[in-house]
Amino acid sequence: MTFLERLLYKHKLRNITEKDVSKWGQQGNADDLIFAAEHGMFNIRLKCIELLAPKKKEEKVKQLLISMIKDDVEIVANAAINELRPSASSELIEKINKVLQEREAQKKKVAKMSYLSNLSFEDNRSSPPRDRLMDRLHQQQNSNNLPY
């Protein structure tokens, strides 16, 4: 990958495609795959993990996989964890378990948030939309839950 291509990809003027990633994987360009994993969408990151798996002994690749454990997309994070687990040290396994526990706690926290519980979905078609909106806003203010 040339400097100009890197610049275009980095500033999102050109998107990294799976075709590009496959080509770099066939050529064995680990640096380009690492760049794609850092700047690509989730499907590109997932493909990069697959292609970089045989090279996970290299320090750059290992650091990339460790950083991807905390990825926002759960599929990508799980793929990175699955690649690291077989050869992980006890310290890394501890870090993986901590991230998994944080993710479970976050899921429980989101499940407990009942931000829609104060909304009523009754059919108030008899009143104008402006009045229905104002009624909903008053209901939300009374229950101390902000609409945003």
Protein backbone atom coordinates (compact mmCIF):
# COMPACT_ATOMS: atom_id res chain seq x y z
CA MET A 1 0.00 0.00 0.00
CA THR A 2 1.38 3.37 -0.92
CA PHE A 3 1.51 6.44 1.27
CA LEU A 4 -1.28 8.06 -0.75
CA GLU A 5 -3.54 5.04 -0.32
CA ARG A 6 -2.90 5.04 3.43
CA LEU A 7 -3.80 8.70 3.58
CA LEU A 8 -7.03 8.15 1.66
CA TYR A 9 -8.02 5.22 3.87
CA LYS A 10 -7.12 7.04 7.08
CA HIS A 11 -9.24 10.08 6.22
CA LYS A 12 -12.14 7.90 5.01
CA LEU A 13 -11.93 9.26 1.47
CA ARG A 14 -11.66 5.67 0.26
CA ASN A 15 -13.03 2.62 2.04
CA ILE A 16 -11.04 -0.50 2.72
CA THR A 17 -12.78 -3.43 1.02
CA GLU A 18 -12.63 -7.14 1.71
CA LYS A 19 -11.06 -7.55 -1.74
CA ASP A 20 -8.19 -5.26 -0.69
CA VAL A 21 -7.75 -7.18 2.56
CA SER A 22 -7.75 -10.53 0.76
CA LYS A 23 -5.11 -9.26 -1.67
CA TRP A 24 -2.91 -8.06 1.20
CA GLY A 25 -3.39 -11.39 2.96
CA GLN A 26 -2.28 -13.32 -0.12
CA GLN A 27 0.77 -11.08 -0.47
CA GLY A 28 1.56 -11.51 3.24
CA ASN A 29 1.53 -7.79 4.02
CA ALA A 30 1.07 -7.88 7.80
CA ASP A 31 1.57 -4.12 8.15
CA ASP A 32 -1.22 -3.40 5.67
CA LEU A 33 -3.52 -5.85 7.44
CA ILE A 34 -2.77 -4.23 10.79
CA PHE A 35 -3.54 -0.82 9.28
CA ALA A 36 -6.82 -2.19 7.87
CA ALA A 37 -7.73 -3.68 11.25
CA GLU A 38 -7.13 -0.35 12.96
CA HIS A 39 -9.03 1.79 10.43
CA GLY A 40 -11.61 -0.54 8.88
CA MET A 41 -15.21 -1.37 9.59
CA PHE A 42 -16.13 -4.41 11.69
CA ASN A 43 -16.24 -6.84 8.74
CA ILE A 44 -12.75 -5.71 7.69
CA ARG A 45 -11.46 -6.11 11.26
CA LEU A 46 -12.94 -9.60 11.41
CA LYS A 47 -11.31 -10.59 8.09
CA CYS A 48 -7.97 -9.16 9.29
CA ILE A 49 -8.12 -11.27 12.44
CA GLU A 50 -8.64 -14.37 10.31
CA LEU A 51 -5.72 -13.50 8.04
CA LEU A 52 -3.38 -12.47 10.86
CA ALA A 53 -4.08 -15.55 13.01
CA PRO A 54 -1.10 -17.56 11.67
CA LYS A 55 1.20 -14.62 12.48
CA LYS A 56 0.01 -14.07 16.04
CA LYS A 57 3.50 -14.80 17.40
CA GLU A 58 4.75 -11.50 15.98
CA GLU A 59 4.71 -8.69 18.53
CA LYS A 60 2.75 -6.19 16.39
CA VAL A 61 0.05 -8.73 15.60
CA LYS A 62 -0.20 -9.84 19.21
CA GLN A 63 -0.57 -6.24 20.41
CA LEU A 64 -3.28 -5.64 17.81
CA LEU A 65 -5.22 -8.72 18.93
CA ILE A 66 -4.90 -7.68 22.57
CA SER A 67 -6.24 -4.22 21.75
CA MET A 68 -9.15 -5.76 19.81
CA ILE A 69 -10.33 -7.65 22.91
CA LYS A 70 -12.10 -4.45 23.97
CA ASP A 71 -13.63 -3.80 20.53
CA ASP A 72 -17.11 -2.27 20.47
CA VAL A 73 -18.39 -4.97 18.13
CA GLU A 74 -18.79 -8.15 20.16
CA ILE A 75 -18.13 -10.47 17.19
CA VAL A 76 -14.73 -8.88 16.58
CA ALA A 77 -13.83 -8.99 20.27
CA ASN A 78 -14.82 -12.66 20.51
CA ALA A 79 -12.75 -13.52 17.42
CA ALA A 80 -9.70 -11.80 18.94
CA ILE A 81 -10.25 -13.63 22.23
CA ASN A 82 -10.58 -16.99 20.45
CA GLU A 83 -7.30 -16.40 18.61
CA LEU A 84 -5.42 -15.40 21.75
CA ARG A 85 -6.75 -17.97 24.23
CA PRO A 86 -4.80 -21.09 23.13
CA SER A 87 -1.39 -19.49 23.57
CA ALA A 88 -2.23 -16.91 26.25
CA SER A 89 -0.25 -16.33 29.41
CA SER A 90 -1.96 -16.26 32.79
CA GLU A 91 -1.79 -12.46 32.79
CA LEU A 92 -3.53 -12.26 29.41
CA ILE A 93 -6.18 -14.79 30.46
CA GLU A 94 -6.87 -12.64 33.52
CA LYS A 95 -7.27 -9.57 31.28
CA ILE A 96 -9.62 -11.48 28.94
CA ASN A 97 -11.76 -12.63 31.88
CA LYS A 98 -11.91 -9.06 33.20
CA VAL A 99 -13.10 -7.76 29.82
CA LEU A 100 -15.73 -10.51 29.60
CA GLN A 101 -17.00 -9.67 33.10
CA GLU A 102 -17.21 -5.97 32.21
CA ARG A 103 -19.16 -6.83 29.07
CA GLU A 104 -21.62 -8.97 31.05
CA ALA A 105 -22.06 -6.20 33.61
CA GLN A 106 -22.72 -3.72 30.80
CA LYS A 107 -25.34 -6.03 29.31
CA LYS A 108 -27.10 -6.30 32.66
CA LYS A 109 -26.95 -2.55 33.12
CA VAL A 110 -28.51 -1.93 29.71
CA ALA A 111 -31.20 -4.53 30.41
CA LYS A 112 -32.15 -2.76 33.65
CA MET A 113 -32.54 0.62 31.97
CA SER A 114 -36.20 1.07 31.37
CA TYR A 115 -36.12 4.29 29.44
CA LEU A 116 -39.27 3.33 27.55
CA SER A 117 -41.28 2.36 30.61
CA ASN A 118 -42.62 5.86 31.11
CA LEU A 119 -44.00 6.19 27.59
CA SER A 120 -47.57 5.35 26.90
CA PHE A 121 -48.51 4.01 23.51
CA GLU A 122 -52.22 4.61 23.82
CA ASP A 123 -54.21 5.63 20.82
CA ASN A 124 -54.86 9.32 21.33
CA ARG A 125 -55.73 10.07 17.73
CA SER A 126 -58.56 12.35 18.74
CA SER A 127 -56.15 15.09 19.82
CA PRO A 128 -53.79 16.91 17.45
CA PRO A 129 -50.18 15.64 17.22
CA ARG A 130 -48.88 18.75 18.98
CA ASP A 131 -51.02 18.00 22.03
CA ARG A 132 -50.01 14.32 22.05
CA LEU A 133 -46.36 15.32 21.97
CA MET A 134 -46.82 17.79 24.81
CA ASP A 135 -48.64 15.13 26.86
CA ARG A 136 -45.76 12.70 26.40
CA LEU A 137 -43.21 15.34 27.39
CA HIS A 138 -45.21 16.16 30.52
CA GLN A 139 -45.37 12.46 31.41
CA GLN A 140 -41.62 12.15 31.04
CA GLN A 141 -40.96 15.24 33.14
CA ASN A 142 -43.27 13.94 35.86
CA SER A 143 -41.39 10.65 36.00
CA ASN A 144 -37.99 12.45 36.03
CA ASN A 145 -36.80 10.62 32.92
CA LEU A 146 -35.49 12.89 30.24
CA PRO A 147 -36.55 12.18 26.66
CA TYR A 148 -32.95 12.32 25.42
